[in-house]
Amino acid sequence: FTISRDNAENTVYLQMNSLKPEDTAVYYCNSRHLFG
């Protein structure tokens, strides 16, 4: 997997390769701030 970002568009990506059945899940995006 590779995480990347596009600051101009305020977007983060997760490129997932060689996927396995154990990768099955709900994937959540998270942002971290001083306020939480």
Full PDB file with SEQRES, HELIX, SHEET, SSBOND, CRYST1, ORIGX, SCALE, CONECT and MASTER records, all heavy atoms in Angstrom:
SEQRES   1 A   36  PHE THR ILE SER ARG ASP ASN ALA GLU ASN THR VAL TYR          
SEQRES   2 A   36  LEU GLN MET ASN SER LEU LYS PRO GLU ASP THR ALA VAL          
SEQRES   3 A   36  TYR TYR CYS ASN SER ARG HIS LEU PHE GLY                      
HELIX    1 AA1 ASN A    7  GLU A    9  5                                   3    
HELIX    2 AA2 PRO A   21  ASP A   23  5                                   3    
SHEET    1 AA1 2 THR A   2  ASP A   6  0                                        
SHEET    2 AA1 2 THR A  11  GLN A  15 -1                                        
CRYST1    1.000    1.000    1.000  90.00  90.00  90.00 P 1           1          
ORIGX1      1.000000  0.000000  0.000000        0.00000                         
ORIGX2      0.000000  1.000000  0.000000        0.00000                         
ORIGX3      0.000000  0.000000  1.000000        0.00000                         
SCALE1      1.000000  0.000000  0.000000        0.00000                         
SCALE2      0.000000  1.000000  0.000000        0.00000                         
SCALE3      0.000000  0.000000  1.000000        0.00000                         
ATOM      1  N   PHE A   1       0.837  -1.198   0.000  1.00  0.00           N  
ATOM      2  CA  PHE A   1       0.000   0.000   0.000  1.00  0.00           C  
ATOM      3  C   PHE A   1       0.871   1.246   0.000  1.00  0.00           C  
ATOM      4  O   PHE A   1       1.968   1.256   0.574  1.00  0.00           O  
ATOM      5  CB  PHE A   1      -0.895   0.047   1.244  1.00  0.00           C  
ATOM      6  CG  PHE A   1      -1.979  -0.993   1.287  1.00  0.00           C  
ATOM      7  CD1 PHE A   1      -2.045  -2.026   0.375  1.00  0.00           C  
ATOM      8  CD2 PHE A   1      -2.954  -0.914   2.278  1.00  0.00           C  
ATOM      9  CE1 PHE A   1      -3.048  -2.981   0.427  1.00  0.00           C  
ATOM     10  CE2 PHE A   1      -3.962  -1.860   2.346  1.00  0.00           C  
ATOM     11  CZ  PHE A   1      -4.015  -2.892   1.426  1.00  0.00           C  
ATOM     12  N   THR A   2       0.373   2.309  -0.610  1.00  0.00           N  
ATOM     13  CA  THR A   2       1.067   3.582  -0.635  1.00  0.00           C  
ATOM     14  C   THR A   2       0.084   4.706  -0.349  1.00  0.00           C  
ATOM     15  O   THR A   2      -0.950   4.806  -1.014  1.00  0.00           O  
ATOM     16  CB  THR A   2       1.745   3.840  -1.991  1.00  0.00           C  
ATOM     17  OG1 THR A   2       2.659   2.777  -2.290  1.00  0.00           O  
ATOM     18  CG2 THR A   2       2.511   5.156  -1.957  1.00  0.00           C  
ATOM     19  N   ILE A   3       0.408   5.541   0.631  1.00  0.00           N  
ATOM     20  CA  ILE A   3      -0.409   6.712   0.922  1.00  0.00           C  
ATOM     21  C   ILE A   3       0.233   7.928   0.269  1.00  0.00           C  
ATOM     22  O   ILE A   3       1.459   8.067   0.258  1.00  0.00           O  
ATOM     23  CB  ILE A   3      -0.583   6.915   2.446  1.00  0.00           C  
ATOM     24  CG1 ILE A   3      -1.603   8.022   2.731  1.00  0.00           C  
ATOM     25  CG2 ILE A   3       0.747   7.199   3.123  1.00  0.00           C  
ATOM     26  CD1 ILE A   3      -1.997   8.119   4.200  1.00  0.00           C  
ATOM     27  N   SER A   4      -0.581   8.795  -0.277  1.00  0.00           N  
ATOM     28  CA  SER A   4      -0.096  10.011  -0.904  1.00  0.00           C  
ATOM     29  C   SER A   4      -1.124  11.111  -0.713  1.00  0.00           C  
ATOM     30  O   SER A   4      -2.232  10.871  -0.235  1.00  0.00           O  
ATOM     31  CB  SER A   4       0.208   9.790  -2.392  1.00  0.00           C  
ATOM     32  OG  SER A   4      -0.966   9.411  -3.097  1.00  0.00           O  
ATOM     33  N   ARG A   5      -0.751  12.315  -1.084  1.00  0.00           N  
ATOM     34  CA  ARG A   5      -1.644  13.451  -0.900  1.00  0.00           C  
ATOM     35  C   ARG A   5      -1.531  14.418  -2.059  1.00  0.00           C  
ATOM     36  O   ARG A   5      -0.511  14.481  -2.748  1.00  0.00           O  
ATOM     37  CB  ARG A   5      -1.318  14.182   0.409  1.00  0.00           C  
ATOM     38  CG  ARG A   5       0.084  14.775   0.420  1.00  0.00           C  
ATOM     39  CD  ARG A   5       0.388  15.502   1.691  1.00  0.00           C  
ATOM     40  NE  ARG A   5       1.706  16.130   1.620  1.00  0.00           N  
ATOM     41  CZ  ARG A   5       2.192  16.973   2.488  1.00  0.00           C  
ATOM     42  NH1 ARG A   5       1.459  17.307   3.542  1.00  0.00           N  
ATOM     43  NH2 ARG A   5       3.396  17.483   2.330  1.00  0.00           N  
ATOM     44  N   ASP A   6      -2.598  15.168  -2.266  1.00  0.00           N  
ATOM     45  CA  ASP A   6      -2.630  16.255  -3.223  1.00  0.00           C  
ATOM     46  C   ASP A   6      -3.070  17.478  -2.441  1.00  0.00           C  
ATOM     47  O   ASP A   6      -4.260  17.668  -2.189  1.00  0.00           O  
ATOM     48  CB  ASP A   6      -3.592  15.954  -4.368  1.00  0.00           C  
ATOM     49  CG  ASP A   6      -3.580  17.014  -5.444  1.00  0.00           C  
ATOM     50  OD1 ASP A   6      -3.216  18.165  -5.159  1.00  0.00           O  
ATOM     51  OD2 ASP A   6      -3.937  16.694  -6.595  1.00  0.00           O  
ATOM     52  N   ASN A   7      -2.101  18.292  -2.035  1.00  0.00           N  
ATOM     53  CA  ASN A   7      -2.409  19.442  -1.193  1.00  0.00           C  
ATOM     54  C   ASN A   7      -3.323  20.449  -1.889  1.00  0.00           C  
ATOM     55  O   ASN A   7      -4.163  21.081  -1.247  1.00  0.00           O  
ATOM     56  CB  ASN A   7      -1.116  20.138  -0.762  1.00  0.00           C  
ATOM     57  CG  ASN A   7      -0.323  19.331   0.240  1.00  0.00           C  
ATOM     58  OD1 ASN A   7      -0.870  18.524   0.986  1.00  0.00           O  
ATOM     59  ND2 ASN A   7       0.984  19.555   0.277  1.00  0.00           N  
ATOM     60  N   ALA A   8      -3.141  20.614  -3.192  1.00  0.00           N  
ATOM     61  CA  ALA A   8      -3.946  21.578  -3.925  1.00  0.00           C  
ATOM     62  C   ALA A   8      -5.426  21.222  -3.882  1.00  0.00           C  
ATOM     63  O   ALA A   8      -6.282  22.109  -3.892  1.00  0.00           O  
ATOM     64  CB  ALA A   8      -3.465  21.684  -5.369  1.00  0.00           C  
ATOM     65  N   GLU A   9      -5.737  19.935  -3.840  1.00  0.00           N  
ATOM     66  CA  GLU A   9      -7.127  19.487  -3.821  1.00  0.00           C  
ATOM     67  C   GLU A   9      -7.565  18.976  -2.459  1.00  0.00           C  
ATOM     68  O   GLU A   9      -8.689  18.484  -2.320  1.00  0.00           O  
ATOM     69  CB  GLU A   9      -7.340  18.408  -4.878  1.00  0.00           C  
ATOM     70  CG  GLU A   9      -7.101  18.894  -6.295  1.00  0.00           C  
ATOM     71  CD  GLU A   9      -7.422  17.849  -7.333  1.00  0.00           C  
ATOM     72  OE1 GLU A   9      -7.778  16.712  -6.964  1.00  0.00           O  
ATOM     73  OE2 GLU A   9      -7.327  18.172  -8.537  1.00  0.00           O  
ATOM     74  N   ASN A  10      -6.695  19.069  -1.451  1.00  0.00           N  
ATOM     75  CA  ASN A  10      -7.007  18.604  -0.098  1.00  0.00           C  
ATOM     76  C   ASN A  10      -7.512  17.171  -0.106  1.00  0.00           C  
ATOM     77  O   ASN A  10      -8.522  16.849   0.529  1.00  0.00           O  
ATOM     78  CB  ASN A  10      -8.019  19.538   0.567  1.00  0.00           C  
ATOM     79  CG  ASN A  10      -7.480  20.928   0.777  1.00  0.00           C  
ATOM     80  OD1 ASN A  10      -6.361  21.097   1.275  1.00  0.00           O  
ATOM     81  ND2 ASN A  10      -8.254  21.938   0.410  1.00  0.00           N  
ATOM     82  N   THR A  11      -6.793  16.333  -0.807  1.00  0.00           N  
ATOM     83  CA  THR A  11      -7.186  14.949  -0.976  1.00  0.00           C  
ATOM     84  C   THR A  11      -6.032  14.020  -0.624  1.00  0.00           C  
ATOM     85  O   THR A  11      -4.882  14.293  -0.979  1.00  0.00           O  
ATOM     86  CB  THR A  11      -7.647  14.685  -2.416  1.00  0.00           C  
ATOM     87  OG1 THR A  11      -8.742  15.556  -2.732  1.00  0.00           O  
ATOM     88  CG2 THR A  11      -8.101  13.241  -2.588  1.00  0.00           C  
ATOM     89  N   VAL A  12      -6.348  12.939   0.056  1.00  0.00           N  
ATOM     90  CA  VAL A  12      -5.382  11.901   0.390  1.00  0.00           C  
ATOM     91  C   VAL A  12      -5.815  10.617  -0.297  1.00  0.00           C  
ATOM     92  O   VAL A  12      -7.011  10.317  -0.385  1.00  0.00           O  
ATOM     93  CB  VAL A  12      -5.280  11.710   1.910  1.00  0.00           C  
ATOM     94  CG1 VAL A  12      -4.393  10.519   2.248  1.00  0.00           C  
ATOM     95  CG2 VAL A  12      -4.717  12.966   2.555  1.00  0.00           C  
ATOM     96  N   TYR A  13      -4.837   9.862  -0.764  1.00  0.00           N  
ATOM     97  CA  TYR A  13      -5.106   8.632  -1.490  1.00  0.00           C  
ATOM     98  C   TYR A  13      -4.460   7.443  -0.794  1.00  0.00           C  
ATOM     99  O   TYR A  13      -3.484   7.573  -0.062  1.00  0.00           O  
ATOM    100  CB  TYR A  13      -4.558   8.724  -2.916  1.00  0.00           C  
ATOM    101  CG  TYR A  13      -5.074   9.896  -3.697  1.00  0.00           C  
ATOM    102  CD1 TYR A  13      -4.367  11.086  -3.748  1.00  0.00           C  
ATOM    103  CD2 TYR A  13      -6.280   9.814  -4.390  1.00  0.00           C  
ATOM    104  CE1 TYR A  13      -4.840  12.173  -4.463  1.00  0.00           C  
ATOM    105  CE2 TYR A  13      -6.765  10.891  -5.109  1.00  0.00           C  
ATOM    106  CZ  TYR A  13      -6.034  12.065  -5.145  1.00  0.00           C  
ATOM    107  OH  TYR A  13      -6.518  13.136  -5.864  1.00  0.00           O  
ATOM    108  N   LEU A  14      -5.010   6.286  -1.057  1.00  0.00           N  
ATOM    109  CA  LEU A  14      -4.400   5.038  -0.627  1.00  0.00           C  
ATOM    110  C   LEU A  14      -4.412   4.087  -1.811  1.00  0.00           C  
ATOM    111  O   LEU A  14      -5.471   3.578  -2.192  1.00  0.00           O  
ATOM    112  CB  LEU A  14      -5.147   4.422   0.560  1.00  0.00           C  
ATOM    113  CG  LEU A  14      -4.515   3.159   1.132  1.00  0.00           C  
ATOM    114  CD1 LEU A  14      -3.184   3.495   1.813  1.00  0.00           C  
ATOM    115  CD2 LEU A  14      -5.455   2.476   2.124  1.00  0.00           C  
ATOM    116  N   GLN A  15      -3.237   3.875  -2.391  1.00  0.00           N  
ATOM    117  CA  GLN A  15      -3.089   2.917  -3.474  1.00  0.00           C  
ATOM    118  C   GLN A  15      -2.840   1.552  -2.866  1.00  0.00           C  
ATOM    119  O   GLN A  15      -1.872   1.366  -2.127  1.00  0.00           O  
ATOM    120  CB  GLN A  15      -1.935   3.310  -4.391  1.00  0.00           C  
ATOM    121  CG  GLN A  15      -1.664   2.321  -5.519  1.00  0.00           C  
ATOM    122  CD  GLN A  15      -2.790   2.269  -6.526  1.00  0.00           C  
ATOM    123  OE1 GLN A  15      -3.222   3.296  -7.034  1.00  0.00           O  
ATOM    124  NE2 GLN A  15      -3.273   1.064  -6.815  1.00  0.00           N  
ATOM    125  N   MET A  16      -3.691   0.600  -3.173  1.00  0.00           N  
ATOM    126  CA  MET A  16      -3.610  -0.739  -2.607  1.00  0.00           C  
ATOM    127  C   MET A  16      -3.339  -1.732  -3.726  1.00  0.00           C  
ATOM    128  O   MET A  16      -4.149  -1.875  -4.642  1.00  0.00           O  
ATOM    129  CB  MET A  16      -4.899  -1.099  -1.871  1.00  0.00           C  
ATOM    130  CG  MET A  16      -5.294  -0.090  -0.798  1.00  0.00           C  
ATOM    131  SD  MET A  16      -6.742  -0.611   0.160  1.00  0.00           S  
ATOM    132  CE  MET A  16      -7.993  -0.554  -1.116  1.00  0.00           C  
ATOM    133  N   ASN A  17      -2.211  -2.410  -3.636  1.00  0.00           N  
ATOM    134  CA  ASN A  17      -1.814  -3.403  -4.622  1.00  0.00           C  
ATOM    135  C   ASN A  17      -1.675  -4.768  -3.963  1.00  0.00           C  
ATOM    136  O   ASN A  17      -1.568  -4.880  -2.751  1.00  0.00           O  
ATOM    137  CB  ASN A  17      -0.484  -3.010  -5.276  1.00  0.00           C  
ATOM    138  CG  ASN A  17      -0.542  -1.696  -6.011  1.00  0.00           C  
ATOM    139  OD1 ASN A  17      -1.547  -1.369  -6.646  1.00  0.00           O  
ATOM    140  ND2 ASN A  17       0.551  -0.941  -5.954  1.00  0.00           N  
ATOM    141  N   SER A  18      -1.649  -5.795  -4.793  1.00  0.00           N  
ATOM    142  CA  SER A  18      -1.482  -7.175  -4.310  1.00  0.00           C  
ATOM    143  C   SER A  18      -2.456  -7.488  -3.186  1.00  0.00           C  
ATOM    144  O   SER A  18      -2.087  -8.026  -2.141  1.00  0.00           O  
ATOM    145  CB  SER A  18      -0.035  -7.406  -3.862  1.00  0.00           C  
ATOM    146  OG  SER A  18       0.871  -7.164  -4.914  1.00  0.00           O  
ATOM    147  N   LEU A  19      -3.703  -7.166  -3.402  1.00  0.00           N  
ATOM    148  CA  LEU A  19      -4.705  -7.309  -2.351  1.00  0.00           C  
ATOM    149  C   LEU A  19      -4.949  -8.766  -1.989  1.00  0.00           C  
ATOM    150  O   LEU A  19      -4.899  -9.651  -2.845  1.00  0.00           O  
ATOM    151  CB  LEU A  19      -5.999  -6.643  -2.778  1.00  0.00           C  
ATOM    152  CG  LEU A  19      -5.977  -5.114  -2.696  1.00  0.00           C  
ATOM    153  CD1 LEU A  19      -7.092  -4.507  -3.517  1.00  0.00           C  
ATOM    154  CD2 LEU A  19      -6.076  -4.664  -1.239  1.00  0.00           C  
ATOM    155  N   LYS A  20      -5.209  -8.972  -0.712  1.00  0.00           N  
ATOM    156  CA  LYS A  20      -5.466 -10.288  -0.152  1.00  0.00           C  
ATOM    157  C   LYS A  20      -6.848 -10.304   0.486  1.00  0.00           C  
ATOM    158  O   LYS A  20      -7.356  -9.258   0.878  1.00  0.00           O  
ATOM    159  CB  LYS A  20      -4.423 -10.639   0.917  1.00  0.00           C  
ATOM    160  CG  LYS A  20      -2.982 -10.481   0.492  1.00  0.00           C  
ATOM    161  CD  LYS A  20      -2.057 -10.673   1.683  1.00  0.00           C  
ATOM    162  CE  LYS A  20      -0.611 -10.479   1.306  1.00  0.00           C  
ATOM    163  NZ  LYS A  20       0.287 -10.631   2.485  1.00  0.00           N  
ATOM    164  N   PRO A  21      -7.460 -11.480   0.628  1.00  0.00           N  
ATOM    165  CA  PRO A  21      -8.756 -11.538   1.300  1.00  0.00           C  
ATOM    166  C   PRO A  21      -8.737 -10.917   2.694  1.00  0.00           C  
ATOM    167  O   PRO A  21      -9.746 -10.329   3.115  1.00  0.00           O  
ATOM    168  CB  PRO A  21      -9.053 -13.041   1.365  1.00  0.00           C  
ATOM    169  CG  PRO A  21      -8.353 -13.594   0.173  1.00  0.00           C  
ATOM    170  CD  PRO A  21      -7.081 -12.784   0.063  1.00  0.00           C  
ATOM    171  N   GLU A  22      -7.618 -11.020   3.403  1.00  0.00           N  
ATOM    172  CA  GLU A  22      -7.538 -10.447   4.738  1.00  0.00           C  
ATOM    173  C   GLU A  22      -7.513  -8.924   4.739  1.00  0.00           C  
ATOM    174  O   GLU A  22      -7.578  -8.304   5.799  1.00  0.00           O  
ATOM    175  CB  GLU A  22      -6.321 -10.996   5.497  1.00  0.00           C  
ATOM    176  CG  GLU A  22      -5.035 -10.949   4.712  1.00  0.00           C  
ATOM    177  CD  GLU A  22      -4.715 -12.271   4.039  1.00  0.00           C  
ATOM    178  OE1 GLU A  22      -5.618 -12.862   3.406  1.00  0.00           O  
ATOM    179  OE2 GLU A  22      -3.553 -12.727   4.157  1.00  0.00           O  
ATOM    180  N   ASP A  23      -7.402  -8.307   3.565  1.00  0.00           N  
ATOM    181  CA  ASP A  23      -7.521  -6.862   3.462  1.00  0.00           C  
ATOM    182  C   ASP A  23      -8.976  -6.406   3.461  1.00  0.00           C  
ATOM    183  O   ASP A  23      -9.238  -5.197   3.512  1.00  0.00           O  
ATOM    184  CB  ASP A  23      -6.841  -6.346   2.199  1.00  0.00           C  
ATOM    185  CG  ASP A  23      -5.336  -6.549   2.211  1.00  0.00           C  
ATOM    186  OD1 ASP A  23      -4.710  -6.319   3.265  1.00  0.00           O  
ATOM    187  OD2 ASP A  23      -4.782  -6.926   1.155  1.00  0.00           O  
ATOM    188  N   THR A  24      -9.907  -7.341   3.377  1.00  0.00           N  
ATOM    189  CA  THR A  24     -11.321  -7.002   3.376  1.00  0.00           C  
ATOM    190  C   THR A  24     -11.692  -6.289   4.670  1.00  0.00           C  
ATOM    191  O   THR A  24     -11.461  -6.807   5.767  1.00  0.00           O  
ATOM    192  CB  THR A  24     -12.173  -8.259   3.204  1.00  0.00           C  
ATOM    193  OG1 THR A  24     -11.923  -8.832   1.913  1.00  0.00           O  
ATOM    194  CG2 THR A  24     -13.655  -7.932   3.319  1.00  0.00           C  
ATOM    195  N   ALA A  25     -12.256  -5.103   4.546  1.00  0.00           N  
ATOM    196  CA  ALA A  25     -12.598  -4.292   5.707  1.00  0.00           C  
ATOM    197  C   ALA A  25     -13.292  -3.030   5.234  1.00  0.00           C  
ATOM    198  O   ALA A  25     -13.330  -2.733   4.037  1.00  0.00           O  
ATOM    199  CB  ALA A  25     -11.346  -3.924   6.506  1.00  0.00           C  
ATOM    200  N   VAL A  26     -13.828  -2.291   6.187  1.00  0.00           N  
ATOM    201  CA  VAL A  26     -14.255  -0.931   5.924  1.00  0.00           C  
ATOM    202  C   VAL A  26     -13.060  -0.029   6.182  1.00  0.00           C  
ATOM    203  O   VAL A  26     -12.452  -0.090   7.255  1.00  0.00           O  
ATOM    204  CB  VAL A  26     -15.440  -0.513   6.807  1.00  0.00           C  
ATOM    205  CG1 VAL A  26     -15.815   0.943   6.550  1.00  0.00           C  
ATOM    206  CG2 VAL A  26     -16.642  -1.412   6.538  1.00  0.00           C  
ATOM    207  N   TYR A  27     -12.731   0.784   5.214  1.00  0.00           N  
ATOM    208  CA  TYR A  27     -11.583   1.673   5.311  1.00  0.00           C  
ATOM    209  C   TYR A  27     -12.061   3.082   5.639  1.00  0.00           C  
ATOM    210  O   TYR A  27     -12.948   3.621   4.969  1.00  0.00           O  
ATOM    211  CB  TYR A  27     -10.787   1.665   4.009  1.00  0.00           C  
ATOM    212  CG  TYR A  27      -9.953   0.420   3.847  1.00  0.00           C  
ATOM    213  CD1 TYR A  27     -10.557  -0.814   3.595  1.00  0.00           C  
ATOM    214  CD2 TYR A  27      -8.563   0.467   3.970  1.00  0.00           C  
ATOM    215  CE1 TYR A  27      -9.797  -1.964   3.475  1.00  0.00           C  
ATOM    216  CE2 TYR A  27      -7.802  -0.676   3.843  1.00  0.00           C  
ATOM    217  CZ  TYR A  27      -8.416  -1.893   3.597  1.00  0.00           C  
ATOM    218  OH  TYR A  27      -7.651  -3.029   3.471  1.00  0.00           O  
ATOM    219  N   TYR A  28     -11.455   3.678   6.670  1.00  0.00           N  
ATOM    220  CA  TYR A  28     -11.840   4.989   7.156  1.00  0.00           C  
ATOM    221  C   TYR A  28     -10.708   5.987   6.992  1.00  0.00           C  
ATOM    222  O   TYR A  28      -9.556   5.686   7.303  1.00  0.00           O  
ATOM    223  CB  TYR A  28     -12.208   4.929   8.640  1.00  0.00           C  
ATOM    224  CG  TYR A  28     -13.398   4.057   8.963  1.00  0.00           C  
ATOM    225  CD1 TYR A  28     -13.231   2.721   9.300  1.00  0.00           C  
ATOM    226  CD2 TYR A  28     -14.681   4.580   8.944  1.00  0.00           C  
ATOM    227  CE1 TYR A  28     -14.316   1.922   9.605  1.00  0.00           C  
ATOM    228  CE2 TYR A  28     -15.767   3.788   9.242  1.00  0.00           C  
ATOM    229  CZ  TYR A  28     -15.585   2.466   9.576  1.00  0.00           C  
ATOM    230  OH  TYR A  28     -16.665   1.678   9.883  1.00  0.00           O  
ATOM    231  N   CYS A  29     -11.049   7.167   6.553  1.00  0.00           N  
ATOM    232  CA  CYS A  29     -10.114   8.272   6.484  1.00  0.00           C  
ATOM    233  C   CYS A  29     -10.159   9.042   7.798  1.00  0.00           C  
ATOM    234  O   CYS A  29     -11.232   9.226   8.383  1.00  0.00           O  
ATOM    235  CB  CYS A  29     -10.475   9.189   5.317  1.00  0.00           C  
ATOM    236  SG  CYS A  29      -9.333  10.563   5.045  1.00  0.00           S  
ATOM    237  N   ASN A  30      -9.005   9.474   8.256  1.00  0.00           N  
ATOM    238  CA  ASN A  30      -8.871  10.182   9.519  1.00  0.00           C  
ATOM    239  C   ASN A  30      -8.001  11.411   9.332  1.00  0.00           C  
ATOM    240  O   ASN A  30      -6.973  11.351   8.656  1.00  0.00           O  
ATOM    241  CB  ASN A  30      -8.252   9.245  10.571  1.00  0.00           C  
ATOM    242  CG  ASN A  30      -7.719   9.971  11.784  1.00  0.00           C  
ATOM    243  OD1 ASN A  30      -6.524  10.263  11.871  1.00  0.00           O  
ATOM    244  ND2 ASN A  30      -8.606  10.259  12.727  1.00  0.00           N  
ATOM    245  N   SER A  31      -8.409  12.529   9.925  1.00  0.00           N  
ATOM    246  CA  SER A  31      -7.581  13.729   9.965  1.00  0.00           C  
ATOM    247  C   SER A  31      -7.321  14.104  11.412  1.00  0.00           C  
ATOM    248  O   SER A  31      -8.219  14.017  12.255  1.00  0.00           O  
ATOM    249  CB  SER A  31      -8.222  14.890   9.204  1.00  0.00           C  
ATOM    250  OG  SER A  31      -9.464  15.272   9.767  1.00  0.00           O  
ATOM    251  N   ARG A  32      -6.091  14.511  11.686  1.00  0.00           N  
ATOM    252  CA  ARG A  32      -5.665  14.816  13.046  1.00  0.00           C  
ATOM    253  C   ARG A  32      -5.427  16.311  13.195  1.00  0.00           C  
ATOM    254  O   ARG A  32      -4.765  16.925  12.365  1.00  0.00           O  
ATOM    255  CB  ARG A  32      -4.400  14.029  13.385  1.00  0.00           C  
ATOM    256  CG  ARG A  32      -4.600  12.519  13.266  1.00  0.00           C  
ATOM    257  CD  ARG A  32      -3.309  11.761  13.428  1.00  0.00           C  
ATOM    258  NE  ARG A  32      -3.513  10.334  13.241  1.00  0.00           N  
ATOM    259  CZ  ARG A  32      -2.558   9.422  13.257  1.00  0.00           C  
ATOM    260  NH1 ARG A  32      -1.293   9.800  13.461  1.00  0.00           N  
ATOM    261  NH2 ARG A  32      -2.852   8.145  13.066  1.00  0.00           N  
ATOM    262  N   HIS A  33      -5.966  16.874  14.289  1.00  0.00           N  
ATOM    263  CA  HIS A  33      -5.907  18.300  14.550  1.00  0.00           C  
ATOM    264  C   HIS A  33      -5.582  18.536  16.020  1.00  0.00           C  
ATOM    265  O   HIS A  33      -5.674  17.626  16.846  1.00  0.00           O  
ATOM    266  CB  HIS A  33      -7.248  18.970  14.235  1.00  0.00           C  
ATOM    267  CG  HIS A  33      -7.853  18.539  12.946  1.00  0.00           C  
ATOM    268  ND1 HIS A  33      -7.821  19.333  11.820  1.00  0.00           N  
ATOM    269  CD2 HIS A  33      -8.515  17.403  12.609  1.00  0.00           C  
ATOM    270  CE1 HIS A  33      -8.447  18.693  10.845  1.00  0.00           C  
ATOM    271  NE2 HIS A  33      -8.874  17.528  11.297  1.00  0.00           N  
ATOM    272  N   LEU A  34      -5.235  19.777  16.338  1.00  0.00           N  
ATOM    273  CA  LEU A  34      -5.022  20.135  17.731  1.00  0.00           C  
ATOM    274  C   LEU A  34      -6.300  19.952  18.546  1.00  0.00           C  
ATOM    275  O   LEU A  34      -6.243  19.628  19.734  1.00  0.00           O  
ATOM    276  CB  LEU A  34      -4.521  21.572  17.848  1.00  0.00           C  
ATOM    277  CG  LEU A  34      -3.101  21.841  17.360  1.00  0.00           C  
ATOM    278  CD1 LEU A  34      -2.809  23.336  17.410  1.00  0.00           C  
ATOM    279  CD2 LEU A  34      -2.094  21.082  18.200  1.00  0.00           C  
ATOM    280  N   PHE A  35      -7.445  20.161  17.916  1.00  0.00           N  
ATOM    281  CA  PHE A  35      -8.716  20.075  18.628  1.00  0.00           C  
ATOM    282  C   PHE A  35      -9.297  18.669  18.647  1.00  0.00           C  
ATOM    283  O   PHE A  35     -10.339  18.439  19.256  1.00  0.00           O  
ATOM    284  CB  PHE A  35      -9.736  21.053  18.030  1.00  0.00           C  
ATOM    285  CG  PHE A  35      -9.962  20.912  16.553  1.00  0.00           C  
ATOM    286  CD1 PHE A  35     -10.776  19.923  16.041  1.00  0.00           C  
ATOM    287  CD2 PHE A  35      -9.365  21.803  15.670  1.00  0.00           C  
ATOM    288  CE1 PHE A  35     -10.993  19.794  14.688  1.00  0.00           C  
ATOM    289  CE2 PHE A  35      -9.573  21.695  14.304  1.00  0.00           C  
ATOM    290  CZ  PHE A  35     -10.389  20.686  13.814  1.00  0.00           C  
ATOM    291  N   GLY A  36      -8.666  17.735  17.974  1.00  0.00           N  
ATOM    292  CA  GLY A  36      -9.158  16.370  17.933  1.00  0.00           C  
ATOM    293  C   GLY A  36      -9.113  15.781  16.544  1.00  0.00           C  
ATOM    294  O   GLY A  36      -8.558  16.375  15.618  1.00  0.00           O  
TER     295      GLY A  36                                                      
MASTER        0    0    0    2    2    0    0    6  294    1    0    3          
END                                                                             
